[in-house]
């Protein structure tokens, strides 16, 4: 299934191909402050409709994950990095997807503070 997502103002738009019945709630410093509910999937399942050059990103700690955000409204719809095998990975904030019922998702906790 194709899901459409965006930031609050609509400048950042993207599509995600797949199904998820769960999302991860991490307690690391950035995830907790941004209120992320993340759906992890292969990077090729995320298709940007907005050119990457129009986005901004933030990295911290090991600088391996780019936490993208809209330069206009500040919404943080997704991050991009690599999985443990070195393959491209996307972490989509399901709160920014148009058609996802958050109450239907199983929320899995992850202790990111211990990393």
PDB file of N, CA and C in Angstrom:
ATOM      1  N   UNK A   1       0.841  -1.183   0.000  1.00  0.00           N
ATOM      2  CA  UNK A   1       0.000   0.000   0.000  1.00  0.00           C
ATOM      3  C   UNK A   1       0.884   1.243   0.000  1.00  0.00           C
ATOM      4  N   UNK A   2       0.490   2.232  -0.770  1.00  0.00           N
ATOM      5  CA  UNK A   2       1.237   3.477  -0.842  1.00  0.00           C
ATOM      6  C   UNK A   2       0.624   4.481   0.145  1.00  0.00           C
ATOM      7  N   UNK A   3       1.463   5.027   1.022  1.00  0.00           N
ATOM      8  CA  UNK A   3       1.040   6.040   1.988  1.00  0.00           C
ATOM      9  C   UNK A   3       1.650   7.372   1.576  1.00  0.00           C
ATOM     10  N   UNK A   4       0.891   8.434   1.702  1.00  0.00           N
ATOM     11  CA  UNK A   4       1.396   9.778   1.436  1.00  0.00           C
ATOM     12  C   UNK A   4       1.673  10.461   2.766  1.00  0.00           C
ATOM     13  N   UNK A   5       2.765  11.207   2.797  1.00  0.00           N
ATOM     14  CA  UNK A   5       3.139  11.924   4.005  1.00  0.00           C
ATOM     15  C   UNK A   5       3.634  13.313   3.676  1.00  0.00           C
ATOM     16  N   UNK A   6       3.661  14.150   4.701  1.00  0.00           N
ATOM     17  CA  UNK A   6       4.148  15.513   4.512  1.00  0.00           C
ATOM     18  C   UNK A   6       4.470  16.142   5.857  1.00  0.00           C
ATOM     19  N   UNK A   7       5.124  17.285   5.765  1.00  0.00           N
ATOM     20  CA  UNK A   7       5.320  18.110   6.949  1.00  0.00           C
ATOM     21  C   UNK A   7       4.017  18.881   7.191  1.00  0.00           C
ATOM     22  N   UNK A   8       3.987  19.713   8.202  1.00  0.00           N
ATOM     23  CA  UNK A   8       2.773  20.457   8.538  1.00  0.00           C
ATOM     24  C   UNK A   8       2.356  21.439   7.446  1.00  0.00           C
ATOM     25  N   UNK A   9       3.311  22.173   6.873  1.00  0.00           N
ATOM     26  CA  UNK A   9       2.965  23.191   5.873  1.00  0.00           C
ATOM     27  C   UNK A   9       2.820  22.619   4.460  1.00  0.00           C
ATOM     28  N   UNK A  10       3.266  21.376   4.251  1.00  0.00           N
ATOM     29  CA  UNK A  10       3.135  20.735   2.942  1.00  0.00           C
ATOM     30  C   UNK A  10       4.309  20.910   2.010  1.00  0.00           C
ATOM     31  N   UNK A  11       5.339  21.639   2.433  1.00  0.00           N
ATOM     32  CA  UNK A  11       6.502  21.833   1.561  1.00  0.00           C
ATOM     33  C   UNK A  11       7.256  20.521   1.338  1.00  0.00           C
ATOM     34  N   UNK A  12       7.360  19.703   2.387  1.00  0.00           N
ATOM     35  CA  UNK A  12       8.020  18.397   2.295  1.00  0.00           C
ATOM     36  C   UNK A  12       6.950  17.342   2.071  1.00  0.00           C
ATOM     37  N   UNK A  13       7.031  16.675   0.924  1.00  0.00           N
ATOM     38  CA  UNK A  13       6.070  15.619   0.579  1.00  0.00           C
ATOM     39  C   UNK A  13       6.826  14.367   0.168  1.00  0.00           C
ATOM     40  N   UNK A  14       6.230  13.226   0.503  1.00  0.00           N
ATOM     41  CA  UNK A  14       6.856  11.961   0.174  1.00  0.00           C
ATOM     42  C   UNK A  14       5.805  10.859   0.155  1.00  0.00           C
ATOM     43  N   UNK A  15       6.205   9.704  -0.367  1.00  0.00           N
ATOM     44  CA  UNK A  15       5.358   8.523  -0.375  1.00  0.00           C
ATOM     45  C   UNK A  15       6.151   7.372   0.212  1.00  0.00           C
ATOM     46  N   UNK A  16       5.439   6.469   0.886  1.00  0.00           N
ATOM     47  CA  UNK A  16       6.051   5.289   1.493  1.00  0.00           C
ATOM     48  C   UNK A  16       5.260   4.080   1.026  1.00  0.00           C
ATOM     49  N   UNK A  17       5.969   3.089   0.515  1.00  0.00           N
ATOM     50  CA  UNK A  17       5.337   1.880   0.023  1.00  0.00           C
ATOM     51  C   UNK A  17       5.524   0.757   1.039  1.00  0.00           C
ATOM     52  N   UNK A  18       4.422   0.287   1.611  1.00  0.00           N
ATOM     53  CA  UNK A  18       4.511  -0.816   2.561  1.00  0.00           C
ATOM     54  C   UNK A  18       3.358  -0.821   3.540  1.00  0.00           C
ATOM     55  N   UNK A  19       3.405  -1.807   4.423  1.00  0.00           N
ATOM     56  CA  UNK A  19       2.409  -1.971   5.470  1.00  0.00           C
ATOM     57  C   UNK A  19       3.123  -2.085   6.803  1.00  0.00           C
ATOM     58  N   UNK A  20       2.608  -1.411   7.786  1.00  0.00           N
ATOM     59  CA  UNK A  20       3.175  -1.548   9.119  1.00  0.00           C
ATOM     60  C   UNK A  20       2.051  -1.614  10.137  1.00  0.00           C
ATOM     61  N   UNK A  21       2.159  -2.579  11.016  1.00  0.00           N
ATOM     62  CA  UNK A  21       1.188  -2.710  12.091  1.00  0.00           C
ATOM     63  C   UNK A  21       1.788  -2.214  13.397  1.00  0.00           C
ATOM     64  N   UNK A  22       3.071  -1.819  13.351  1.00  0.00           N
ATOM     65  CA  UNK A  22       3.706  -1.332  14.568  1.00  0.00           C
ATOM     66  C   UNK A  22       4.622  -0.157  14.277  1.00  0.00           C
ATOM     67  N   UNK A  23       4.896   0.594  15.333  1.00  0.00           N
ATOM     68  CA  UNK A  23       5.820   1.719  15.266  1.00  0.00           C
ATOM     69  C   UNK A  23       6.682   1.677  16.517  1.00  0.00           C
ATOM     70  N   UNK A  24       7.847   2.277  16.414  1.00  0.00           N
ATOM     71  CA  UNK A  24       8.789   2.291  17.530  1.00  0.00           C
ATOM     72  C   UNK A  24       8.785   3.660  18.187  1.00  0.00           C
ATOM     73  N   UNK A  25       8.686   3.646  19.503  1.00  0.00           N
ATOM     74  CA  UNK A  25       8.795   4.866  20.301  1.00  0.00           C
ATOM     75  C   UNK A  25      10.107   4.767  21.071  1.00  0.00           C
ATOM     76  N   UNK A  26      11.051   5.597  20.687  1.00  0.00           N
ATOM     77  CA  UNK A  26      12.389   5.582  21.263  1.00  0.00           C
ATOM     78  C   UNK A  26      12.508   6.706  22.297  1.00  0.00           C
ATOM     79  N   UNK A  27      13.302   6.469  23.334  1.00  0.00           N
ATOM     80  CA  UNK A  27      13.467   7.486  24.369  1.00  0.00           C
ATOM     81  C   UNK A  27      14.810   8.213  24.288  1.00  0.00           C
ATOM     82  N   UNK A  28      15.493   8.125  23.126  1.00  0.00           N
ATOM     83  CA  UNK A  28      16.739   8.877  23.001  1.00  0.00           C
ATOM     84  C   UNK A  28      16.419  10.374  23.008  1.00  0.00           C
ATOM     85  N   UNK A  29      17.441  11.180  23.102  1.00  0.00           N
ATOM     86  CA  UNK A  29      17.227  12.620  23.280  1.00  0.00           C
ATOM     87  C   UNK A  29      16.432  13.262  22.148  1.00  0.00           C
ATOM     88  N   UNK A  30      16.678  12.897  20.899  1.00  0.00           N
ATOM     89  CA  UNK A  30      15.957  13.550  19.801  1.00  0.00           C
ATOM     90  C   UNK A  30      14.547  12.980  19.623  1.00  0.00           C
ATOM     91  N   UNK A  31      14.420  11.662  19.690  1.00  0.00           N
ATOM     92  CA  UNK A  31      13.096  11.044  19.501  1.00  0.00           C
ATOM     93  C   UNK A  31      12.110  11.485  20.581  1.00  0.00           C
ATOM     94  N   UNK A  32      12.576  11.542  21.816  1.00  0.00           N
ATOM     95  CA  UNK A  32      11.701  11.960  22.902  1.00  0.00           C
ATOM     96  C   UNK A  32      11.254  13.405  22.728  1.00  0.00           C
ATOM     97  N   UNK A  33      12.163  14.283  22.381  1.00  0.00           N
ATOM     98  CA  UNK A  33      11.820  15.704  22.239  1.00  0.00           C
ATOM     99  C   UNK A  33      10.928  15.974  21.023  1.00  0.00           C
ATOM    100  N   UNK A  34      11.101  15.199  19.964  1.00  0.00           N
ATOM    101  CA  UNK A  34      10.293  15.403  18.761  1.00  0.00           C
ATOM    102  C   UNK A  34       8.993  14.619  18.770  1.00  0.00           C
ATOM    103  N   UNK A  35       8.854  13.663  19.665  1.00  0.00           N
ATOM    104  CA  UNK A  35       7.633  12.875  19.739  1.00  0.00           C
ATOM    105  C   UNK A  35       7.480  11.880  18.606  1.00  0.00           C
ATOM    106  N   UNK A  36       8.596  11.394  18.091  1.00  0.00           N
ATOM    107  CA  UNK A  36       8.564  10.444  16.982  1.00  0.00           C
ATOM    108  C   UNK A  36       7.831   9.151  17.332  1.00  0.00           C
ATOM    109  N   UNK A  37       7.098   8.634  16.363  1.00  0.00           N
ATOM    110  CA  UNK A  37       6.654   7.242  16.306  1.00  0.00           C
ATOM    111  C   UNK A  37       7.197   6.751  14.976  1.00  0.00           C
ATOM    112  N   UNK A  38       8.189   5.883  15.014  1.00  0.00           N
ATOM    113  CA  UNK A  38       8.953   5.554  13.814  1.00  0.00           C
ATOM    114  C   UNK A  38       8.611   4.193  13.224  1.00  0.00           C
ATOM    115  N   UNK A  39       8.514   4.179  11.922  1.00  0.00           N
ATOM    116  CA  UNK A  39       8.342   2.965  11.139  1.00  0.00           C
ATOM    117  C   UNK A  39       9.619   2.811  10.330  1.00  0.00           C
ATOM    118  N   UNK A  40      10.370   1.754  10.604  1.00  0.00           N
ATOM    119  CA  UNK A  40      11.631   1.493   9.916  1.00  0.00           C
ATOM    120  C   UNK A  40      11.393   0.599   8.708  1.00  0.00           C
ATOM    121  N   UNK A  41      11.973   0.995   7.576  1.00  0.00           N
ATOM    122  CA  UNK A  41      11.814   0.218   6.353  1.00  0.00           C
ATOM    123  C   UNK A  41      12.993   0.472   5.423  1.00  0.00           C
ATOM    124  N   UNK A  42      13.176  -0.393   4.414  1.00  0.00           N
ATOM    125  CA  UNK A  42      14.276  -0.178   3.466  1.00  0.00           C
ATOM    126  C   UNK A  42      14.182   1.201   2.811  1.00  0.00           C
ATOM    127  N   UNK A  43      15.330   1.815   2.596  1.00  0.00           N
ATOM    128  CA  UNK A  43      15.373   3.162   2.049  1.00  0.00           C
ATOM    129  C   UNK A  43      14.683   3.331   0.713  1.00  0.00           C
ATOM    130  N   UNK A  44      14.649   2.283  -0.113  1.00  0.00           N
ATOM    131  CA  UNK A  44      14.013   2.410  -1.427  1.00  0.00           C
ATOM    132  C   UNK A  44      12.486   2.412  -1.355  1.00  0.00           C
ATOM    133  N   UNK A  45      11.940   2.218  -0.167  1.00  0.00           N
ATOM    134  CA  UNK A  45      10.475   2.270   0.006  1.00  0.00           C
ATOM    135  C   UNK A  45       9.988   3.692   0.265  1.00  0.00           C
ATOM    136  N   UNK A  46      10.918   4.621   0.473  1.00  0.00           N
ATOM    137  CA  UNK A  46      10.604   6.035   0.679  1.00  0.00           C
ATOM    138  C   UNK A  46      10.917   6.789  -0.602  1.00  0.00           C
ATOM    139  N   UNK A  47       9.907   7.453  -1.154  1.00  0.00           N
ATOM    140  CA  UNK A  47      10.092   8.226  -2.385  1.00  0.00           C
ATOM    141  C   UNK A  47       9.808   9.699  -2.084  1.00  0.00           C
ATOM    142  N   UNK A  48      10.834  10.520  -2.234  1.00  0.00           N
ATOM    143  CA  UNK A  48      10.677  11.958  -2.002  1.00  0.00           C
ATOM    144  C   UNK A  48       9.954  12.605  -3.173  1.00  0.00           C
ATOM    145  N   UNK A  49       8.957  13.419  -2.892  1.00  0.00           N
ATOM    146  CA  UNK A  49       8.264  14.201  -3.897  1.00  0.00           C
ATOM    147  C   UNK A  49       8.829  15.626  -3.921  1.00  0.00           C
ATOM    148  N   UNK A  50       9.523  15.985  -2.867  1.00  0.00           N
ATOM    149  CA  UNK A  50      10.201  17.273  -2.740  1.00  0.00           C
ATOM    150  C   UNK A  50      11.694  17.017  -2.934  1.00  0.00           C
ATOM    151  N   UNK A  51      12.380  17.805  -3.734  1.00  0.00           N
ATOM    152  CA  UNK A  51      13.819  17.585  -3.908  1.00  0.00           C
ATOM    153  C   UNK A  51      14.561  17.635  -2.567  1.00  0.00           C
ATOM    154  N   UNK A  52      15.491  16.714  -2.394  1.00  0.00           N
ATOM    155  CA  UNK A  52      16.254  16.660  -1.147  1.00  0.00           C
ATOM    156  C   UNK A  52      16.969  17.981  -0.861  1.00  0.00           C
ATOM    157  N   UNK A  53      17.322  18.717  -1.905  1.00  0.00           N
ATOM    158  CA  UNK A  53      18.012  20.001  -1.731  1.00  0.00           C
ATOM    159  C   UNK A  53      17.138  21.040  -1.023  1.00  0.00           C
ATOM    160  N   UNK A  54      15.828  20.836  -0.996  1.00  0.00           N
ATOM    161  CA  UNK A  54      14.921  21.766  -0.325  1.00  0.00           C
ATOM    162  C   UNK A  54      14.671  21.387   1.132  1.00  0.00           C
ATOM    163  N   UNK A  55      15.243  20.297   1.576  1.00  0.00           N
ATOM    164  CA  UNK A  55      15.093  19.834   2.956  1.00  0.00           C
ATOM    165  C   UNK A  55      16.327  20.208   3.764  1.00  0.00           C
ATOM    166  N   UNK A  56      16.207  20.129   5.054  1.00  0.00           N
ATOM    167  CA  UNK A  56      17.344  20.295   5.950  1.00  0.00           C
ATOM    168  C   UNK A  56      17.410  19.047   6.819  1.00  0.00           C
ATOM    169  N   UNK A  57      18.593  18.774   7.343  1.00  0.00           N
ATOM    170  CA  UNK A  57      18.714  17.647   8.249  1.00  0.00           C
ATOM    171  C   UNK A  57      19.646  18.000   9.395  1.00  0.00           C
ATOM    172  N   UNK A  58      19.524  17.201  10.431  1.00  0.00           N
ATOM    173  CA  UNK A  58      20.321  17.363  11.632  1.00  0.00           C
ATOM    174  C   UNK A  58      20.934  16.011  11.968  1.00  0.00           C
ATOM    175  N   UNK A  59      22.197  16.001  12.340  1.00  0.00           N
ATOM    176  CA  UNK A  59      22.845  14.787  12.817  1.00  0.00           C
ATOM    177  C   UNK A  59      23.449  15.068  14.188  1.00  0.00           C
ATOM    178  N   UNK A  60      23.645  14.026  14.959  1.00  0.00           N
ATOM    179  CA  UNK A  60      24.296  14.179  16.259  1.00  0.00           C
ATOM    180  C   UNK A  60      24.948  12.848  16.639  1.00  0.00           C
ATOM    181  N   UNK A  61      25.633  12.825  17.742  1.00  0.00           N
ATOM    182  CA  UNK A  61      26.296  11.639  18.268  1.00  0.00           C
ATOM    183  C   UNK A  61      27.208  11.022  17.208  1.00  0.00           C
ATOM    184  N   UNK A  62      26.858   9.898  16.611  1.00  0.00           N
ATOM    185  CA  UNK A  62      27.715   9.235  15.625  1.00  0.00           C
ATOM    186  C   UNK A  62      27.527   9.802  14.216  1.00  0.00           C
ATOM    187  N   UNK A  63      26.565  10.671  14.021  1.00  0.00           N
ATOM    188  CA  UNK A  63      26.280  11.321  12.733  1.00  0.00           C
ATOM    189  C   UNK A  63      25.940  10.334  11.625  1.00  0.00           C
ATOM    190  N   UNK A  64      25.374   9.186  11.981  1.00  0.00           N
ATOM    191  CA  UNK A  64      25.031   8.163  10.994  1.00  0.00           C
ATOM    192  C   UNK A  64      23.605   8.301  10.475  1.00  0.00           C
ATOM    193  N   UNK A  65      22.751   8.992  11.207  1.00  0.00           N
ATOM    194  CA  UNK A  65      21.354   9.162  10.790  1.00  0.00           C
ATOM    195  C   UNK A  65      21.110  10.637  10.493  1.00  0.00           C
ATOM    196  N   UNK A  66      20.520  10.890   9.338  1.00  0.00           N
ATOM    197  CA  UNK A  66      20.113  12.260   8.986  1.00  0.00           C
ATOM    198  C   UNK A  66      18.648  12.412   9.379  1.00  0.00           C
ATOM    199  N   UNK A  67      18.405  13.266  10.336  1.00  0.00           N
ATOM    200  CA  UNK A  67      17.044  13.539  10.801  1.00  0.00           C
ATOM    201  C   UNK A  67      16.534  14.737   9.994  1.00  0.00           C
ATOM    202  N   UNK A  68      15.729  14.460   8.979  1.00  0.00           N
ATOM    203  CA  UNK A  68      15.254  15.512   8.068  1.00  0.00           C
ATOM    204  C   UNK A  68      14.112  16.300   8.687  1.00  0.00           C
ATOM    205  N   UNK A  69      14.064  17.588   8.339  1.00  0.00           N
ATOM    206  CA  UNK A  69      12.977  18.456   8.792  1.00  0.00           C
ATOM    207  C   UNK A  69      12.708  19.521   7.744  1.00  0.00           C
ATOM    208  N   UNK A  70      11.530  20.102   7.822  1.00  0.00           N
ATOM    209  CA  UNK A  70      11.130  21.156   6.897  1.00  0.00           C
ATOM    210  C   UNK A  70      11.729  22.485   7.358  1.00  0.00           C
ATOM    211  N   UNK A  71      12.398  23.230   6.461  1.00  0.00           N
ATOM    212  CA  UNK A  71      12.961  24.516   6.848  1.00  0.00           C
ATOM    213  C   UNK A  71      11.908  25.596   7.082  1.00  0.00           C
ATOM    214  N   UNK A  72      10.679  25.354   6.654  1.00  0.00           N
ATOM    215  CA  UNK A  72       9.599  26.338   6.845  1.00  0.00           C
ATOM    216  C   UNK A  72       8.868  26.133   8.171  1.00  0.00           C
ATOM    217  N   UNK A  73       8.307  24.937   8.381  1.00  0.00           N
ATOM    218  CA  UNK A  73       7.465  24.710   9.560  1.00  0.00           C
ATOM    219  C   UNK A  73       8.166  23.942  10.671  1.00  0.00           C
ATOM    220  N   UNK A  74       9.309  23.333  10.372  1.00  0.00           N
ATOM    221  CA  UNK A  74      10.073  22.619  11.383  1.00  0.00           C
ATOM    222  C   UNK A  74       9.645  21.179  11.635  1.00  0.00           C
ATOM    223  N   UNK A  75       8.591  20.718  10.972  1.00  0.00           N
ATOM    224  CA  UNK A  75       8.151  19.332  11.153  1.00  0.00           C
ATOM    225  C   UNK A  75       9.255  18.371  10.761  1.00  0.00           C
ATOM    226  N   UNK A  76       9.296  17.230  11.452  1.00  0.00           N
ATOM    227  CA  UNK A  76      10.341  16.227  11.210  1.00  0.00           C
ATOM    228  C   UNK A  76       9.699  14.926  10.747  1.00  0.00           C
ATOM    229  N   UNK A  77       9.493  14.768   9.427  1.00  0.00           N
ATOM    230  CA  UNK A  77       8.734  13.638   8.928  1.00  0.00           C
ATOM    231  C   UNK A  77       9.482  12.317   8.778  1.00  0.00           C
ATOM    232  N   UNK A  78      10.815  12.332   8.686  1.00  0.00           N
ATOM    233  CA  UNK A  78      11.548  11.083   8.502  1.00  0.00           C
ATOM    234  C   UNK A  78      13.039  11.286   8.744  1.00  0.00           C
ATOM    235  N   UNK A  79      13.729  10.169   8.859  1.00  0.00           N
ATOM    236  CA  UNK A  79      15.178  10.157   8.940  1.00  0.00           C
ATOM    237  C   UNK A  79      15.704   9.129   7.955  1.00  0.00           C
ATOM    238  N   UNK A  80      16.979   9.239   7.613  1.00  0.00           N
ATOM    239  CA  UNK A  80      17.591   8.281   6.694  1.00  0.00           C
ATOM    240  C   UNK A  80      18.967   7.899   7.217  1.00  0.00           C
ATOM    241  N   UNK A  81      19.279   6.627   7.045  1.00  0.00           N
ATOM    242  CA  UNK A  81      20.567   6.117   7.495  1.00  0.00           C
ATOM    243  C   UNK A  81      20.836   4.781   6.843  1.00  0.00           C
ATOM    244  N   UNK A  82      21.501   3.901   7.584  1.00  0.00           N
ATOM    245  CA  UNK A  82      21.804   2.560   7.102  1.00  0.00           C
ATOM    246  C   UNK A  82      21.455   1.551   8.183  1.00  0.00           C
ATOM    247  N   UNK A  83      21.033   0.356   7.743  1.00  0.00           N
ATOM    248  CA  UNK A  83      20.773  -0.702   8.712  1.00  0.00           C
ATOM    249  C   UNK A  83      22.115  -1.347   9.101  1.00  0.00           C
ATOM    250  N   UNK A  84      22.070  -2.375   9.907  1.00  0.00           N
ATOM    251  CA  UNK A  84      23.299  -3.004  10.406  1.00  0.00           C
ATOM    252  C   UNK A  84      24.120  -3.687   9.314  1.00  0.00           C
ATOM    253  N   UNK A  85      23.490  -3.984   8.186  1.00  0.00           N
ATOM    254  CA  UNK A  85      24.204  -4.579   7.051  1.00  0.00           C
ATOM    255  C   UNK A  85      24.725  -3.516   6.079  1.00  0.00           C
ATOM    256  N   UNK A  86      24.503  -2.240   6.387  1.00  0.00           N
ATOM    257  CA  UNK A  86      24.976  -1.158   5.535  1.00  0.00           C
ATOM    258  C   UNK A  86      24.037  -0.774   4.409  1.00  0.00           C
ATOM    259  N   UNK A  87      22.831  -1.321   4.417  1.00  0.00           N
ATOM    260  CA  UNK A  87      21.853  -1.000   3.375  1.00  0.00           C
ATOM    261  C   UNK A  87      21.078   0.257   3.764  1.00  0.00           C
ATOM    262  N   UNK A  88      20.675   1.081   2.772  1.00  0.00           N
ATOM    263  CA  UNK A  88      19.890   2.293   3.076  1.00  0.00           C
ATOM    264  C   UNK A  88      18.608   1.956   3.837  1.00  0.00           C
ATOM    265  N   UNK A  89      18.317   2.778   4.839  1.00  0.00           N
ATOM    266  CA  UNK A  89      17.164   2.590   5.695  1.00  0.00           C
ATOM    267  C   UNK A  89      16.446   3.930   5.884  1.00  0.00           C
ATOM    268  N   UNK A  90      15.138   3.861   5.980  1.00  0.00           N
ATOM    269  CA  UNK A  90      14.345   5.052   6.291  1.00  0.00           C
ATOM    270  C   UNK A  90      13.631   4.826   7.620  1.00  0.00           C
ATOM    271  N   UNK A  91      13.491   5.874   8.375  1.00  0.00           N
ATOM    272  CA  UNK A  91      12.732   5.862   9.619  1.00  0.00           C
ATOM    273  C   UNK A  91      11.652   6.923   9.452  1.00  0.00           C
ATOM    274  N   UNK A  92      10.436   6.488   9.137  1.00  0.00           N
ATOM    275  CA  UNK A  92       9.336   7.404   8.837  1.00  0.00           C
ATOM    276  C   UNK A  92       8.545   7.684  10.103  1.00  0.00           C
ATOM    277  N   UNK A  93       8.317   8.955  10.367  1.00  0.00           N
ATOM    278  CA  UNK A  93       7.485   9.357  11.494  1.00  0.00           C
ATOM    279  C   UNK A  93       6.024   9.142  11.090  1.00  0.00           C
ATOM    280  N   UNK A  94       5.397   8.092  11.614  1.00  0.00           N
ATOM    281  CA  UNK A  94       4.030   7.762  11.193  1.00  0.00           C
ATOM    282  C   UNK A  94       3.038   8.867  11.544  1.00  0.00           C
ATOM    283  N   UNK A  95       3.392   9.747  12.447  1.00  0.00           N
ATOM    284  CA  UNK A  95       2.514  10.884  12.770  1.00  0.00           C
ATOM    285  C   UNK A  95       2.377  11.840  11.579  1.00  0.00           C
ATOM    286  N   UNK A  96       3.281  11.749  10.613  1.00  0.00           N
ATOM    287  CA  UNK A  96       3.249  12.623   9.438  1.00  0.00           C
ATOM    288  C   UNK A  96       2.625  11.962   8.215  1.00  0.00           C
ATOM    289  N   UNK A  97       2.120  10.740   8.359  1.00  0.00           N
ATOM    290  CA  UNK A  97       1.450  10.058   7.250  1.00  0.00           C
ATOM    291  C   UNK A  97      -0.034  10.390   7.284  1.00  0.00           C
ATOM    292  N   UNK A  98      -0.612  10.620   6.101  1.00  0.00           N
ATOM    293  CA  UNK A  98      -2.000  11.068   6.006  1.00  0.00           C
ATOM    294  C   UNK A  98      -3.027  10.042   6.458  1.00  0.00           C
ATOM    295  N   UNK A  99      -2.803   8.776   6.174  1.00  0.00           N
ATOM    296  CA  UNK A  99      -3.867   7.788   6.317  1.00  0.00           C
ATOM    297  C   UNK A  99      -3.596   6.692   7.348  1.00  0.00           C
ATOM    298  N   UNK A 100      -2.741   6.940   8.319  1.00  0.00           N
ATOM    299  CA  UNK A 100      -2.432   5.921   9.316  1.00  0.00           C
ATOM    300  C   UNK A 100      -3.226   6.191  10.595  1.00  0.00           C
ATOM    301  N   UNK A 101      -3.939   5.157  11.046  1.00  0.00           N
ATOM    302  CA  UNK A 101      -4.689   5.238  12.300  1.00  0.00           C
ATOM    303  C   UNK A 101      -3.726   4.884  13.428  1.00  0.00           C
ATOM    304  N   UNK A 102      -3.257   5.879  14.152  1.00  0.00           N
ATOM    305  CA  UNK A 102      -2.267   5.657  15.205  1.00  0.00           C
ATOM    306  C   UNK A 102      -2.790   4.744  16.303  1.00  0.00           C
ATOM    307  N   UNK A 103      -4.085   4.771  16.558  1.00  0.00           N
ATOM    308  CA  UNK A 103      -4.651   3.922  17.614  1.00  0.00           C
ATOM    309  C   UNK A 103      -4.637   2.443  17.231  1.00  0.00           C
ATOM    310  N   UNK A 104      -4.490   2.136  15.948  1.00  0.00           N
ATOM    311  CA  UNK A 104      -4.469   0.748  15.495  1.00  0.00           C
ATOM    312  C   UNK A 104      -3.060   0.154  15.504  1.00  0.00           C
ATOM    313  N   UNK A 105      -2.044   0.975  15.704  1.00  0.00           N
ATOM    314  CA  UNK A 105      -0.672   0.501  15.684  1.00  0.00           C
ATOM    315  C   UNK A 105      -0.248  -0.081  17.023  1.00  0.00           C
ATOM    316  N   UNK A 106       0.548  -1.136  16.964  1.00  0.00           N
ATOM    317  CA  UNK A 106       1.206  -1.652  18.150  1.00  0.00           C
ATOM    318  C   UNK A 106       2.435  -0.776  18.352  1.00  0.00           C
ATOM    319  N   UNK A 107       2.578  -0.187  19.523  1.00  0.00           N
ATOM    320  CA  UNK A 107       3.713   0.683  19.808  1.00  0.00           C
ATOM    321  C   UNK A 107       4.770  -0.102  20.589  1.00  0.00           C
ATOM    322  N   UNK A 108       5.954  -0.170  20.012  1.00  0.00           N
ATOM    323  CA  UNK A 108       7.058  -0.910  20.596  1.00  0.00           C
ATOM    324  C   UNK A 108       8.042   0.115  21.195  1.00  0.00           C
ATOM    325  N   UNK A 109       8.416  -0.063  22.435  1.00  0.00           N
ATOM    326  CA  UNK A 109       9.373   0.832  23.093  1.00  0.00           C
ATOM    327  C   UNK A 109      10.800   0.396  22.813  1.00  0.00           C
ATOM    328  N   UNK A 110      11.670   1.393  22.640  1.00  0.00           N
ATOM    329  CA  UNK A 110      13.085   1.121  22.433  1.00  0.00           C
ATOM    330  C   UNK A 110      13.888   2.048  23.344  1.00  0.00           C
ATOM    331  N   UNK A 111      14.821   1.501  24.093  1.00  0.00           N
ATOM    332  CA  UNK A 111      15.622   2.286  25.027  1.00  0.00           C
ATOM    333  C   UNK A 111      16.860   2.842  24.330  1.00  0.00           C
ATOM    334  N   UNK A 112      16.663   3.922  23.591  1.00  0.00           N
ATOM    335  CA  UNK A 112      17.744   4.556  22.861  1.00  0.00           C
ATOM    336  C   UNK A 112      18.719   5.305  23.743  1.00  0.00           C
ATOM    337  N   UNK A 113      18.356   5.566  24.976  1.00  0.00           N
ATOM    338  CA  UNK A 113      19.277   6.262  25.885  1.00  0.00           C
ATOM    339  C   UNK A 113      20.489   5.414  26.216  1.00  0.00           C
ATOM    340  N   UNK A 114      20.365   4.113  26.055  1.00  0.00           N
ATOM    341  CA  UNK A 114      21.473   3.215  26.396  1.00  0.00           C
ATOM    342  C   UNK A 114      22.479   3.063  25.254  1.00  0.00           C
ATOM    343  N   UNK A 115      22.196   3.656  24.109  1.00  0.00           N
ATOM    344  CA  UNK A 115      23.139   3.527  22.984  1.00  0.00           C
ATOM    345  C   UNK A 115      24.329   4.441  23.161  1.00  0.00           C
TER     346      UNK A 115
END
